[in-house]
Amino acid sequence: MSNIVDFRQRFWFLVFSIFLNSASNALTISANLGSAVWTGSSVNLSDWIHVPLGTTLLLYGIVVTILNQLLLGHFDRRRFFSNLLYIVPFSYLVEFIGYFWQWIGVPALPFLARLILNFVGLIGVAAAVSIYQRCNLIQHPNDDLSYILRFRFLHGSAIIAQWTSYLPPVTITIVAFLATGQLRAIGIGTVFALVAQGAIMGWSDTHVFPSLKHHVDVARVDHHGN
């Protein structure tokens, strides 16, 4: 019985984290002063190929999901469907919540107000990642990419794995900029996310819903890292 209750709690925390992650990412896009690297890359790719942001995020997530399987060297069914289950609602929630932020006028606010909201959004993203990683039910494919790189190729180095996982979105952002001459959702907030997101996630682990503890998949860690 306790396992059922625990699963239900983790499930509702997961649902909340997906909404928080989506709303926070959408807020940073609307403020337009710098989103997280992957989000900013998706915005610029969407502008370049003229595909709605939600669909771009979904296609991006599917590509990364497939890349994860190739890097693993074998088909991991649990991981594959976990990635897809996360990216489908997340992608379209970012787009549609973004319409709400536009409707209430976030893009037209003065610089200082947009800067504050941008930082609030980035903090929200980090807190959301902390929550769903502690739930450990399904994962965003981008997080899995960093995890696979870390334990399969980079001898457990979290920092090098994180920076290596940024190579695809940075490359796409540069190519999109060269193709369109425009750069959106990249700025001071992106630098803040690069520098501080890990620390905010660590703080969130113990201060945002502290009763939610890490549910570590020991077999998964041992298979890749120990």
C-alpha atoms as a PDB file:
ATOM      1  CA  MET A   1       0.000   0.000   0.000  1.00  0.00           C
ATOM      2  CA  SER A   2       2.803   2.404   0.871  1.00  0.00           C
ATOM      3  CA  ASN A   3       4.358   1.812  -2.558  1.00  0.00           C
ATOM      4  CA  ILE A   4       1.077   2.767  -4.244  1.00  0.00           C
ATOM      5  CA  VAL A   5       0.809   5.963  -2.194  1.00  0.00           C
ATOM      6  CA  ASP A   6       4.449   6.778  -2.941  1.00  0.00           C
ATOM      7  CA  PHE A   7       3.899   6.283  -6.672  1.00  0.00           C
ATOM      8  CA  ARG A   8       0.817   8.507  -6.669  1.00  0.00           C
ATOM      9  CA  GLN A   9       2.699  11.267  -4.881  1.00  0.00           C
ATOM     10  CA  ARG A  10       5.593  11.027  -7.327  1.00  0.00           C
ATOM     11  CA  PHE A  11       3.158  11.024 -10.257  1.00  0.00           C
ATOM     12  CA  TRP A  12       1.451  14.253  -9.166  1.00  0.00           C
ATOM     13  CA  PHE A  13       4.790  15.881  -8.418  1.00  0.00           C
ATOM     14  CA  LEU A  14       5.820  14.882 -11.949  1.00  0.00           C
ATOM     15  CA  VAL A  15       2.686  16.430 -13.470  1.00  0.00           C
ATOM     16  CA  PHE A  16       3.287  19.635 -11.536  1.00  0.00           C
ATOM     17  CA  SER A  17       6.940  19.737 -12.631  1.00  0.00           C
ATOM     18  CA  ILE A  18       6.013  19.373 -16.313  1.00  0.00           C
ATOM     19  CA  PHE A  19       3.619  22.316 -16.034  1.00  0.00           C
ATOM     20  CA  LEU A  20       6.189  24.347 -14.080  1.00  0.00           C
ATOM     21  CA  ASN A  21       8.934  23.535 -16.569  1.00  0.00           C
ATOM     22  CA  SER A  22       6.725  24.421 -19.534  1.00  0.00           C
ATOM     23  CA  ALA A  23       5.419  27.665 -18.032  1.00  0.00           C
ATOM     24  CA  SER A  24       8.894  28.741 -16.939  1.00  0.00           C
ATOM     25  CA  ASN A  25      10.469  28.052 -20.320  1.00  0.00           C
ATOM     26  CA  ALA A  26       7.619  29.864 -22.047  1.00  0.00           C
ATOM     27  CA  LEU A  27       8.127  32.842 -19.718  1.00  0.00           C
ATOM     28  CA  THR A  28      11.818  33.127 -20.620  1.00  0.00           C
ATOM     29  CA  ILE A  29      10.902  32.987 -24.323  1.00  0.00           C
ATOM     30  CA  SER A  30       8.300  35.747 -23.921  1.00  0.00           C
ATOM     31  CA  ALA A  31      10.678  37.923 -21.892  1.00  0.00           C
ATOM     32  CA  ASN A  32      13.242  37.369 -24.676  1.00  0.00           C
ATOM     33  CA  LEU A  33      16.308  38.119 -22.571  1.00  0.00           C
ATOM     34  CA  GLY A  34      17.841  34.653 -22.669  1.00  0.00           C
ATOM     35  CA  SER A  35      16.440  31.175 -22.221  1.00  0.00           C
ATOM     36  CA  ALA A  36      18.247  27.966 -21.350  1.00  0.00           C
ATOM     37  CA  VAL A  37      20.499  26.701 -24.161  1.00  0.00           C
ATOM     38  CA  TRP A  38      18.199  23.999 -25.533  1.00  0.00           C
ATOM     39  CA  THR A  39      15.106  26.216 -25.344  1.00  0.00           C
ATOM     40  CA  GLY A  40      16.816  29.128 -27.067  1.00  0.00           C
ATOM     41  CA  SER A  41      18.045  26.784 -29.768  1.00  0.00           C
ATOM     42  CA  SER A  42      14.496  25.498 -30.345  1.00  0.00           C
ATOM     43  CA  VAL A  43      13.132  29.035 -30.694  1.00  0.00           C
ATOM     44  CA  ASN A  44      15.728  29.958 -33.318  1.00  0.00           C
ATOM     45  CA  LEU A  45      15.262  26.661 -35.164  1.00  0.00           C
ATOM     46  CA  SER A  46      11.498  27.251 -35.204  1.00  0.00           C
ATOM     47  CA  ASP A  47      11.996  30.725 -36.699  1.00  0.00           C
ATOM     48  CA  TRP A  48      14.403  29.341 -39.289  1.00  0.00           C
ATOM     49  CA  ILE A  49      12.320  26.409 -40.576  1.00  0.00           C
ATOM     50  CA  HIS A  50       8.948  28.171 -40.065  1.00  0.00           C
ATOM     51  CA  VAL A  51       7.459  25.387 -37.964  1.00  0.00           C
ATOM     52  CA  PRO A  52       5.411  26.125 -34.793  1.00  0.00           C
ATOM     53  CA  LEU A  53       7.477  26.041 -31.616  1.00  0.00           C
ATOM     54  CA  GLY A  54       5.572  23.123 -30.091  1.00  0.00           C
ATOM     55  CA  THR A  55       6.165  20.951 -33.143  1.00  0.00           C
ATOM     56  CA  THR A  56       9.814  22.031 -33.291  1.00  0.00           C
ATOM     57  CA  LEU A  57      10.315  21.075 -29.642  1.00  0.00           C
ATOM     58  CA  LEU A  58       8.634  17.727 -30.274  1.00  0.00           C
ATOM     59  CA  LEU A  59      10.759  16.935 -33.335  1.00  0.00           C
ATOM     60  CA  TYR A  60      13.862  18.092 -31.462  1.00  0.00           C
ATOM     61  CA  GLY A  61      12.975  15.769 -28.590  1.00  0.00           C
ATOM     62  CA  ILE A  62      12.371  12.810 -30.905  1.00  0.00           C
ATOM     63  CA  VAL A  63      15.754  13.330 -32.575  1.00  0.00           C
ATOM     64  CA  VAL A  64      17.509  13.481 -29.195  1.00  0.00           C
ATOM     65  CA  THR A  65      15.587  10.387 -28.051  1.00  0.00           C
ATOM     66  CA  ILE A  66      16.867   8.464 -31.081  1.00  0.00           C
ATOM     67  CA  LEU A  67      20.379   9.846 -30.517  1.00  0.00           C
ATOM     68  CA  ASN A  68      20.246   8.550 -26.958  1.00  0.00           C
ATOM     69  CA  GLN A  69      19.479   5.055 -28.227  1.00  0.00           C
ATOM     70  CA  LEU A  70      22.351   5.201 -30.717  1.00  0.00           C
ATOM     71  CA  LEU A  71      24.773   6.341 -28.005  1.00  0.00           C
ATOM     72  CA  LEU A  72      23.641   3.513 -25.744  1.00  0.00           C
ATOM     73  CA  GLY A  73      24.445   0.989 -28.468  1.00  0.00           C
ATOM     74  CA  HIS A  74      21.267  -0.986 -27.824  1.00  0.00           C
ATOM     75  CA  PHE A  75      17.526  -0.395 -27.646  1.00  0.00           C
ATOM     76  CA  ASP A  76      16.456   0.615 -24.127  1.00  0.00           C
ATOM     77  CA  ARG A  77      12.672   0.406 -24.304  1.00  0.00           C
ATOM     78  CA  ARG A  78      12.064   2.005 -20.913  1.00  0.00           C
ATOM     79  CA  ARG A  79      14.298   4.957 -21.686  1.00  0.00           C
ATOM     80  CA  PHE A  80      12.872   5.386 -25.196  1.00  0.00           C
ATOM     81  CA  PHE A  81       9.245   5.615 -24.080  1.00  0.00           C
ATOM     82  CA  SER A  82      10.183   7.622 -20.994  1.00  0.00           C
ATOM     83  CA  ASN A  83      11.731  10.297 -23.202  1.00  0.00           C
ATOM     84  CA  LEU A  84       8.715  10.402 -25.525  1.00  0.00           C
ATOM     85  CA  LEU A  85       6.209  10.515 -22.661  1.00  0.00           C
ATOM     86  CA  TYR A  86       7.929  13.602 -21.320  1.00  0.00           C
ATOM     87  CA  ILE A  87       8.524  15.502 -24.548  1.00  0.00           C
ATOM     88  CA  VAL A  88       4.994  15.224 -26.012  1.00  0.00           C
ATOM     89  CA  PRO A  89       3.080  17.215 -23.354  1.00  0.00           C
ATOM     90  CA  PHE A  90       6.043  19.468 -22.575  1.00  0.00           C
ATOM     91  CA  SER A  91       6.493  20.614 -26.186  1.00  0.00           C
ATOM     92  CA  TYR A  92       2.963  21.844 -26.746  1.00  0.00           C
ATOM     93  CA  LEU A  93       2.540  23.217 -23.243  1.00  0.00           C
ATOM     94  CA  VAL A  94       5.522  25.511 -23.864  1.00  0.00           C
ATOM     95  CA  GLU A  95       3.913  26.809 -27.060  1.00  0.00           C
ATOM     96  CA  PHE A  96       0.402  27.335 -25.685  1.00  0.00           C
ATOM     97  CA  ILE A  97       1.458  28.779 -22.330  1.00  0.00           C
ATOM     98  CA  GLY A  98       3.671  31.100 -24.370  1.00  0.00           C
ATOM     99  CA  TYR A  99       0.533  32.454 -26.041  1.00  0.00           C
ATOM    100  CA  PHE A 100      -0.826  33.257 -22.560  1.00  0.00           C
ATOM    101  CA  TRP A 101       2.327  35.181 -21.585  1.00  0.00           C
ATOM    102  CA  GLN A 102       2.030  37.121 -24.844  1.00  0.00           C
ATOM    103  CA  TRP A 103      -1.656  37.781 -24.247  1.00  0.00           C
ATOM    104  CA  ILE A 104      -1.012  39.370 -20.851  1.00  0.00           C
ATOM    105  CA  GLY A 105       1.714  41.523 -22.392  1.00  0.00           C
ATOM    106  CA  VAL A 106       5.013  40.123 -21.123  1.00  0.00           C
ATOM    107  CA  PRO A 107       6.946  40.913 -24.352  1.00  0.00           C
ATOM    108  CA  ALA A 108       5.865  44.577 -24.127  1.00  0.00           C
ATOM    109  CA  LEU A 109       6.929  45.136 -20.521  1.00  0.00           C
ATOM    110  CA  PRO A 110       9.834  47.476 -19.667  1.00  0.00           C
ATOM    111  CA  PHE A 111      13.320  45.990 -19.729  1.00  0.00           C
ATOM    112  CA  LEU A 112      13.710  45.679 -15.948  1.00  0.00           C
ATOM    113  CA  ALA A 113      10.376  43.888 -15.539  1.00  0.00           C
ATOM    114  CA  ARG A 114      11.215  41.475 -18.360  1.00  0.00           C
ATOM    115  CA  LEU A 115      14.650  40.849 -16.843  1.00  0.00           C
ATOM    116  CA  ILE A 116      13.137  39.965 -13.473  1.00  0.00           C
ATOM    117  CA  LEU A 117      10.557  37.679 -15.092  1.00  0.00           C
ATOM    118  CA  ASN A 118      13.287  36.089 -17.185  1.00  0.00           C
ATOM    119  CA  PHE A 119      15.257  35.184 -14.061  1.00  0.00           C
ATOM    120  CA  VAL A 120      12.061  33.941 -12.367  1.00  0.00           C
ATOM    121  CA  GLY A 121      11.497  31.689 -15.369  1.00  0.00           C
ATOM    122  CA  LEU A 122      15.030  30.301 -15.273  1.00  0.00           C
ATOM    123  CA  ILE A 123      14.753  29.589 -11.549  1.00  0.00           C
ATOM    124  CA  GLY A 124      11.440  27.862 -12.250  1.00  0.00           C
ATOM    125  CA  VAL A 125      13.077  25.672 -14.901  1.00  0.00           C
ATOM    126  CA  ALA A 126      15.827  24.585 -12.501  1.00  0.00           C
ATOM    127  CA  ALA A 127      13.288  23.835  -9.742  1.00  0.00           C
ATOM    128  CA  ALA A 128      11.138  21.827 -12.158  1.00  0.00           C
ATOM    129  CA  VAL A 129      14.104  19.739 -13.283  1.00  0.00           C
ATOM    130  CA  SER A 130      14.966  19.066  -9.637  1.00  0.00           C
ATOM    131  CA  ILE A 131      11.409  17.875  -8.971  1.00  0.00           C
ATOM    132  CA  TYR A 132      11.055  15.502 -11.903  1.00  0.00           C
ATOM    133  CA  GLN A 133      14.544  14.117 -11.448  1.00  0.00           C
ATOM    134  CA  ARG A 134      13.702  13.300  -7.843  1.00  0.00           C
ATOM    135  CA  CYS A 135      10.469  11.615  -9.003  1.00  0.00           C
ATOM    136  CA  ASN A 136      12.501   9.556 -11.511  1.00  0.00           C
ATOM    137  CA  LEU A 137       9.457   8.290 -13.411  1.00  0.00           C
ATOM    138  CA  ILE A 138      10.121   9.746 -16.847  1.00  0.00           C
ATOM    139  CA  GLN A 139      12.908  12.026 -18.053  1.00  0.00           C
ATOM    140  CA  HIS A 140      13.385  14.751 -20.636  1.00  0.00           C
ATOM    141  CA  PRO A 141      15.562  13.344 -23.462  1.00  0.00           C
ATOM    142  CA  ASN A 142      18.046  16.205 -23.066  1.00  0.00           C
ATOM    143  CA  ASP A 143      18.724  15.169 -19.471  1.00  0.00           C
ATOM    144  CA  ASP A 144      19.189  11.570 -20.553  1.00  0.00           C
ATOM    145  CA  LEU A 145      21.639  12.684 -23.250  1.00  0.00           C
ATOM    146  CA  SER A 146      23.843  14.338 -20.634  1.00  0.00           C
ATOM    147  CA  TYR A 147      23.518  11.305 -18.371  1.00  0.00           C
ATOM    148  CA  ILE A 148      24.538   8.846 -21.124  1.00  0.00           C
ATOM    149  CA  LEU A 149      27.479  10.986 -22.193  1.00  0.00           C
ATOM    150  CA  ARG A 150      28.596  11.282 -18.586  1.00  0.00           C
ATOM    151  CA  PHE A 151      28.651   7.600 -17.688  1.00  0.00           C
ATOM    152  CA  ARG A 152      29.224   5.904 -21.027  1.00  0.00           C
ATOM    153  CA  PHE A 153      31.860   8.151 -22.576  1.00  0.00           C
ATOM    154  CA  LEU A 154      33.213  10.730 -20.113  1.00  0.00           C
ATOM    155  CA  HIS A 155      34.215   8.717 -17.057  1.00  0.00           C
ATOM    156  CA  GLY A 156      31.479  10.160 -14.856  1.00  0.00           C
ATOM    157  CA  SER A 157      32.346  13.840 -15.356  1.00  0.00           C
ATOM    158  CA  ALA A 158      29.108  15.788 -14.921  1.00  0.00           C
ATOM    159  CA  ILE A 159      30.601  19.112 -16.014  1.00  0.00           C
ATOM    160  CA  ILE A 160      32.172  17.837 -19.245  1.00  0.00           C
ATOM    161  CA  ALA A 161      29.035  15.845 -20.033  1.00  0.00           C
ATOM    162  CA  GLN A 162      26.843  18.933 -19.603  1.00  0.00           C
ATOM    163  CA  TRP A 163      29.007  21.047 -21.873  1.00  0.00           C
ATOM    164  CA  THR A 164      29.298  18.258 -24.452  1.00  0.00           C
ATOM    165  CA  SER A 165      25.511  17.879 -24.524  1.00  0.00           C
ATOM    166  CA  TYR A 166      25.265  21.577 -25.409  1.00  0.00           C
ATOM    167  CA  LEU A 167      27.151  21.116 -28.703  1.00  0.00           C
ATOM    168  CA  PRO A 168      24.019  20.257 -30.769  1.00  0.00           C
ATOM    169  CA  PRO A 169      21.860  23.197 -29.603  1.00  0.00           C
ATOM    170  CA  VAL A 170      24.741  25.680 -29.838  1.00  0.00           C
ATOM    171  CA  THR A 171      25.517  24.494 -33.371  1.00  0.00           C
ATOM    172  CA  ILE A 172      21.881  24.767 -34.441  1.00  0.00           C
ATOM    173  CA  THR A 173      21.574  28.242 -32.904  1.00  0.00           C
ATOM    174  CA  ILE A 174      24.623  29.442 -34.828  1.00  0.00           C
ATOM    175  CA  VAL A 175      23.410  27.957 -38.119  1.00  0.00           C
ATOM    176  CA  ALA A 176      19.912  29.389 -37.608  1.00  0.00           C
ATOM    177  CA  PHE A 177      21.396  32.826 -36.914  1.00  0.00           C
ATOM    178  CA  LEU A 178      23.520  32.665 -40.053  1.00  0.00           C
ATOM    179  CA  ALA A 179      20.465  31.649 -42.082  1.00  0.00           C
ATOM    180  CA  THR A 180      18.011  34.214 -40.697  1.00  0.00           C
ATOM    181  CA  GLY A 181      20.194  37.032 -39.379  1.00  0.00           C
ATOM    182  CA  GLN A 182      18.081  37.036 -36.212  1.00  0.00           C
ATOM    183  CA  LEU A 183      18.713  35.713 -32.718  1.00  0.00           C
ATOM    184  CA  ARG A 184      15.900  35.165 -30.221  1.00  0.00           C
ATOM    185  CA  ALA A 185      15.782  33.844 -26.650  1.00  0.00           C
ATOM    186  CA  ILE A 186      19.573  34.044 -26.318  1.00  0.00           C
ATOM    187  CA  GLY A 187      21.096  36.623 -23.974  1.00  0.00           C
ATOM    188  CA  ILE A 188      21.988  37.374 -20.394  1.00  0.00           C
ATOM    189  CA  GLY A 189      19.529  34.762 -19.174  1.00  0.00           C
ATOM    190  CA  THR A 190      21.350  32.087 -21.177  1.00  0.00           C
ATOM    191  CA  VAL A 191      24.597  32.977 -19.416  1.00  0.00           C
ATOM    192  CA  PHE A 192      22.803  32.891 -16.072  1.00  0.00           C
ATOM    193  CA  ALA A 193      21.394  29.432 -16.870  1.00  0.00           C
ATOM    194  CA  LEU A 194      24.821  28.117 -17.857  1.00  0.00           C
ATOM    195  CA  VAL A 195      26.436  29.416 -14.682  1.00  0.00           C
ATOM    196  CA  ALA A 196      23.751  28.970 -12.059  1.00  0.00           C
ATOM    197  CA  GLN A 197      21.267  26.282 -13.108  1.00  0.00           C
ATOM    198  CA  GLY A 198      23.158  23.446 -11.432  1.00  0.00           C
ATOM    199  CA  ALA A 199      23.435  25.349  -8.154  1.00  0.00           C
ATOM    200  CA  ILE A 200      19.731  26.262  -8.221  1.00  0.00           C
ATOM    201  CA  MET A 201      18.827  22.628  -8.865  1.00  0.00           C
ATOM    202  CA  GLY A 202      20.934  21.594  -5.869  1.00  0.00           C
ATOM    203  CA  TRP A 203      19.245  24.199  -3.690  1.00  0.00           C
ATOM    204  CA  SER A 204      15.830  23.077  -4.944  1.00  0.00           C
ATOM    205  CA  ASP A 205      16.567  19.478  -3.982  1.00  0.00           C
ATOM    206  CA  THR A 206      16.463  20.456  -0.307  1.00  0.00           C
ATOM    207  CA  HIS A 207      14.189  23.514  -0.310  1.00  0.00           C
ATOM    208  CA  VAL A 208      11.475  22.929  -2.958  1.00  0.00           C
ATOM    209  CA  PHE A 209       9.176  20.159  -1.687  1.00  0.00           C
ATOM    210  CA  PRO A 210      11.916  18.804   0.627  1.00  0.00           C
ATOM    211  CA  SER A 211       9.725  15.814   1.487  1.00  0.00           C
ATOM    212  CA  LEU A 212      10.249  14.556  -2.069  1.00  0.00           C
ATOM    213  CA  LYS A 213      13.431  12.534  -1.936  1.00  0.00           C
ATOM    214  CA  HIS A 214      15.560  11.221  -4.800  1.00  0.00           C
ATOM    215  CA  HIS A 215      14.281   7.888  -6.088  1.00  0.00           C
ATOM    216  CA  VAL A 216      17.501   6.545  -7.544  1.00  0.00           C
ATOM    217  CA  ASP A 217      17.360   3.695 -10.047  1.00  0.00           C
ATOM    218  CA  VAL A 218      20.373   1.778  -8.714  1.00  0.00           C
ATOM    219  CA  ALA A 219      20.490  -0.705 -11.579  1.00  0.00           C
ATOM    220  CA  ARG A 220      20.466   2.114 -14.104  1.00  0.00           C
ATOM    221  CA  VAL A 221      23.335   3.922 -12.384  1.00  0.00           C
ATOM    222  CA  ASP A 222      25.388   0.774 -11.904  1.00  0.00           C
ATOM    223  CA  HIS A 223      24.949  -0.248 -15.530  1.00  0.00           C
ATOM    224  CA  HIS A 224      26.397   2.995 -16.831  1.00  0.00           C
ATOM    225  CA  GLY A 225      28.590   4.440 -14.182  1.00  0.00           C
ATOM    226  CA  ASN A 226      29.822   2.234 -11.375  1.00  0.00           C
END
